[in-house]
């Protein structure tokens, strides 16, 4: 079950894969598991754990968003 819509959403650019708007921990987890370019760093792992915890109600949507943005920043995916 999805818990909480992010405001504002996170806008990402995946190069030739195009842009993507991520609005929740559920959508972030899909990105992390299916199309993330770098899956070996600590920020990726932290974001994945935070999104799962938010979906389970153990973290807030804001905490999951913060971890996801940090991982996206590290990969230079966030649109400014």
N, C-alpha and C. Protein backbone atom coordinates (compact mmCIF):
# COMPACT_ATOMS: atom_id res chain seq x y z
N UNK A 1 0.84 -1.18 0.00
CA UNK A 1 0.00 0.00 0.00
C UNK A 1 0.88 1.24 0.00
N UNK A 2 0.56 2.18 -0.84
CA UNK A 2 1.30 3.42 -0.96
C UNK A 2 0.95 4.34 0.19
N UNK A 3 1.98 4.94 0.77
CA UNK A 3 1.76 5.84 1.91
C UNK A 3 2.36 7.19 1.62
N UNK A 4 1.56 8.14 1.24
CA UNK A 4 2.00 9.52 1.12
C UNK A 4 2.55 9.93 -0.23
N UNK A 5 1.98 10.99 -0.74
CA UNK A 5 2.44 11.58 -1.99
C UNK A 5 3.46 12.67 -1.64
N UNK A 6 4.54 12.71 -2.39
CA UNK A 6 5.59 13.69 -2.14
C UNK A 6 5.20 15.05 -2.72
N UNK A 7 5.48 16.07 -1.95
CA UNK A 7 5.27 17.42 -2.43
C UNK A 7 6.49 18.25 -2.06
N UNK A 8 7.20 18.74 -3.02
CA UNK A 8 6.99 18.58 -4.46
C UNK A 8 7.50 17.22 -4.93
N UNK A 9 7.04 16.78 -6.10
CA UNK A 9 7.56 15.54 -6.67
C UNK A 9 9.03 15.73 -7.06
N UNK A 10 9.71 14.64 -7.32
CA UNK A 10 11.11 14.67 -7.73
C UNK A 10 11.17 14.46 -9.24
N UNK A 11 11.78 15.40 -9.93
CA UNK A 11 11.93 15.33 -11.39
C UNK A 11 13.31 14.78 -11.71
N UNK A 12 13.36 13.69 -12.48
CA UNK A 12 14.63 13.04 -12.83
C UNK A 12 14.83 13.00 -14.33
N UNK A 13 16.08 12.98 -14.74
CA UNK A 13 16.43 12.80 -16.15
C UNK A 13 17.33 11.56 -16.25
N UNK A 14 16.89 10.59 -17.04
CA UNK A 14 17.63 9.34 -17.22
C UNK A 14 18.30 9.29 -18.59
N UNK A 15 18.89 10.39 -19.03
CA UNK A 15 19.58 10.41 -20.31
C UNK A 15 18.65 10.03 -21.45
N UNK A 16 19.05 9.04 -22.22
CA UNK A 16 18.22 8.59 -23.34
C UNK A 16 16.92 7.96 -22.88
N UNK A 17 16.86 7.57 -21.59
CA UNK A 17 15.64 6.99 -21.03
C UNK A 17 14.56 8.02 -20.77
N UNK A 18 14.89 9.30 -20.94
CA UNK A 18 13.91 10.36 -20.77
C UNK A 18 13.76 10.83 -19.34
N UNK A 19 12.81 11.70 -19.15
CA UNK A 19 12.53 12.28 -17.83
C UNK A 19 11.47 11.45 -17.12
N UNK A 20 11.49 11.56 -15.80
CA UNK A 20 10.50 10.83 -14.99
C UNK A 20 10.16 11.68 -13.78
N UNK A 21 8.88 11.76 -13.46
CA UNK A 21 8.41 12.43 -12.26
C UNK A 21 8.07 11.38 -11.23
N UNK A 22 8.70 11.48 -10.06
CA UNK A 22 8.49 10.50 -8.99
C UNK A 22 7.73 11.20 -7.87
N UNK A 23 6.58 10.64 -7.51
CA UNK A 23 5.70 11.30 -6.55
C UNK A 23 5.51 10.57 -5.23
N UNK A 24 6.17 9.42 -5.05
CA UNK A 24 5.97 8.66 -3.82
C UNK A 24 7.08 7.65 -3.62
N UNK A 25 7.13 7.09 -2.43
CA UNK A 25 8.11 6.04 -2.12
C UNK A 25 7.90 4.82 -3.02
N UNK A 26 6.66 4.54 -3.35
CA UNK A 26 6.36 3.40 -4.22
C UNK A 26 6.98 3.60 -5.60
N UNK A 27 6.76 4.78 -6.20
CA UNK A 27 7.34 5.06 -7.51
C UNK A 27 8.87 5.12 -7.45
N UNK A 28 9.39 5.66 -6.35
CA UNK A 28 10.85 5.72 -6.18
C UNK A 28 11.44 4.32 -6.14
N UNK A 29 10.79 3.44 -5.44
CA UNK A 29 11.28 2.06 -5.34
C UNK A 29 11.28 1.39 -6.71
N UNK A 30 10.29 1.65 -7.52
CA UNK A 30 10.27 1.11 -8.89
C UNK A 30 11.48 1.63 -9.67
N UNK A 31 11.75 2.93 -9.57
CA UNK A 31 12.93 3.50 -10.26
C UNK A 31 14.22 2.85 -9.75
N UNK A 32 14.34 2.75 -8.45
CA UNK A 32 15.55 2.19 -7.86
C UNK A 32 15.78 0.75 -8.30
N UNK A 33 14.73 -0.02 -8.39
CA UNK A 33 14.87 -1.43 -8.72
C UNK A 33 14.92 -1.71 -10.22
N UNK A 34 14.30 -0.85 -11.03
CA UNK A 34 14.18 -1.16 -12.46
C UNK A 34 15.09 -0.36 -13.38
N UNK A 35 15.34 0.92 -13.08
CA UNK A 35 16.08 1.73 -14.06
C UNK A 35 17.24 2.51 -13.48
N UNK A 36 17.59 2.29 -12.23
CA UNK A 36 18.66 3.06 -11.60
C UNK A 36 20.01 2.73 -12.22
N UNK A 37 20.80 3.77 -12.56
CA UNK A 37 22.06 3.52 -13.27
C UNK A 37 23.20 2.98 -12.41
N UNK A 38 23.21 3.29 -11.12
CA UNK A 38 24.33 2.90 -10.25
C UNK A 38 23.76 2.29 -8.97
N UNK A 39 23.90 0.99 -8.84
CA UNK A 39 23.25 0.28 -7.73
C UNK A 39 24.22 -0.23 -6.67
N UNK A 40 25.41 0.30 -6.63
CA UNK A 40 26.41 -0.25 -5.72
C UNK A 40 26.82 0.70 -4.60
N UNK A 41 26.34 1.94 -4.60
CA UNK A 41 26.79 2.88 -3.58
C UNK A 41 25.86 2.91 -2.36
N UNK A 42 26.37 3.53 -1.31
CA UNK A 42 25.63 3.57 -0.04
C UNK A 42 24.35 4.38 -0.15
N UNK A 43 24.36 5.45 -0.95
CA UNK A 43 23.15 6.29 -1.09
C UNK A 43 22.01 5.51 -1.74
N UNK A 44 22.34 4.68 -2.71
CA UNK A 44 21.33 3.84 -3.37
C UNK A 44 20.71 2.90 -2.33
N UNK A 45 21.55 2.24 -1.57
CA UNK A 45 21.07 1.30 -0.56
C UNK A 45 20.22 2.01 0.49
N UNK A 46 20.67 3.17 0.93
CA UNK A 46 19.93 3.94 1.92
C UNK A 46 18.55 4.34 1.38
N UNK A 47 18.51 4.78 0.12
CA UNK A 47 17.24 5.19 -0.48
C UNK A 47 16.28 4.01 -0.60
N UNK A 48 16.79 2.87 -1.00
CA UNK A 48 15.95 1.69 -1.16
C UNK A 48 15.36 1.26 0.20
N UNK A 49 16.20 1.24 1.21
CA UNK A 49 15.74 0.88 2.56
C UNK A 49 14.72 1.89 3.06
N UNK A 50 14.97 3.19 2.84
CA UNK A 50 14.06 4.23 3.31
C UNK A 50 12.71 4.14 2.61
N UNK A 51 12.70 3.88 1.31
CA UNK A 51 11.42 3.76 0.59
C UNK A 51 10.62 2.57 1.08
N UNK A 52 11.29 1.44 1.30
CA UNK A 52 10.59 0.26 1.83
C UNK A 52 10.05 0.54 3.23
N UNK A 53 10.83 1.23 4.05
CA UNK A 53 10.39 1.56 5.41
C UNK A 53 9.20 2.51 5.38
N UNK A 54 9.19 3.46 4.46
CA UNK A 54 8.05 4.38 4.34
C UNK A 54 6.80 3.63 3.92
N UNK A 55 6.95 2.70 3.00
CA UNK A 55 5.79 1.91 2.57
C UNK A 55 5.24 1.05 3.71
N UNK A 56 6.12 0.65 4.61
CA UNK A 56 5.70 -0.16 5.75
C UNK A 56 5.23 0.71 6.93
N UNK A 57 5.36 2.04 6.79
CA UNK A 57 4.92 2.94 7.84
C UNK A 57 5.95 3.19 8.92
N UNK A 58 7.20 2.78 8.70
CA UNK A 58 8.25 2.97 9.70
C UNK A 58 9.00 4.29 9.52
N UNK A 59 8.91 4.91 8.35
CA UNK A 59 9.48 6.23 8.09
C UNK A 59 8.40 7.10 7.46
N UNK A 60 8.59 8.39 7.52
CA UNK A 60 7.64 9.30 6.88
C UNK A 60 7.94 9.37 5.39
N UNK A 61 6.96 9.79 4.59
CA UNK A 61 7.22 10.01 3.17
C UNK A 61 8.35 11.02 2.95
N UNK A 62 8.43 12.03 3.79
CA UNK A 62 9.48 13.04 3.67
C UNK A 62 10.86 12.46 3.88
N UNK A 63 10.99 11.55 4.82
CA UNK A 63 12.29 10.91 5.06
C UNK A 63 12.71 10.05 3.86
N UNK A 64 11.74 9.35 3.28
CA UNK A 64 12.04 8.54 2.10
C UNK A 64 12.41 9.44 0.93
N UNK A 65 11.70 10.55 0.77
CA UNK A 65 12.00 11.48 -0.31
C UNK A 65 13.41 12.03 -0.17
N UNK A 66 13.78 12.40 1.04
CA UNK A 66 15.11 12.94 1.29
C UNK A 66 16.20 11.93 0.90
N UNK A 67 16.03 10.68 1.28
CA UNK A 67 17.01 9.64 0.94
C UNK A 67 17.06 9.42 -0.57
N UNK A 68 15.90 9.45 -1.22
CA UNK A 68 15.83 9.25 -2.66
C UNK A 68 16.51 10.40 -3.40
N UNK A 69 16.25 11.62 -2.99
CA UNK A 69 16.87 12.78 -3.64
C UNK A 69 18.39 12.73 -3.46
N UNK A 70 18.85 12.32 -2.30
CA UNK A 70 20.28 12.21 -2.07
C UNK A 70 20.92 11.21 -3.04
N UNK A 71 20.27 10.06 -3.22
CA UNK A 71 20.78 9.05 -4.16
C UNK A 71 20.73 9.57 -5.59
N UNK A 72 19.67 10.28 -5.94
CA UNK A 72 19.54 10.83 -7.29
C UNK A 72 20.57 11.92 -7.54
N UNK A 73 20.83 12.75 -6.54
CA UNK A 73 21.87 13.79 -6.66
C UNK A 73 23.24 13.15 -6.91
N UNK A 74 23.51 12.08 -6.20
CA UNK A 74 24.81 11.41 -6.36
C UNK A 74 24.99 10.89 -7.80
N UNK A 75 23.90 10.47 -8.42
CA UNK A 75 23.96 9.97 -9.80
C UNK A 75 23.73 11.08 -10.82
N UNK A 76 23.54 12.31 -10.34
CA UNK A 76 23.29 13.47 -11.21
C UNK A 76 22.03 13.28 -12.06
N UNK A 77 20.97 12.83 -11.43
CA UNK A 77 19.71 12.58 -12.12
C UNK A 77 18.66 13.66 -11.88
N UNK A 78 18.81 14.43 -10.81
CA UNK A 78 17.77 15.40 -10.43
C UNK A 78 17.81 16.59 -11.37
N UNK A 79 16.66 16.95 -11.91
CA UNK A 79 16.53 18.15 -12.74
C UNK A 79 16.44 19.36 -11.84
N UNK A 80 17.09 20.40 -12.18
CA UNK A 80 17.04 21.64 -11.40
C UNK A 80 16.33 22.71 -12.17
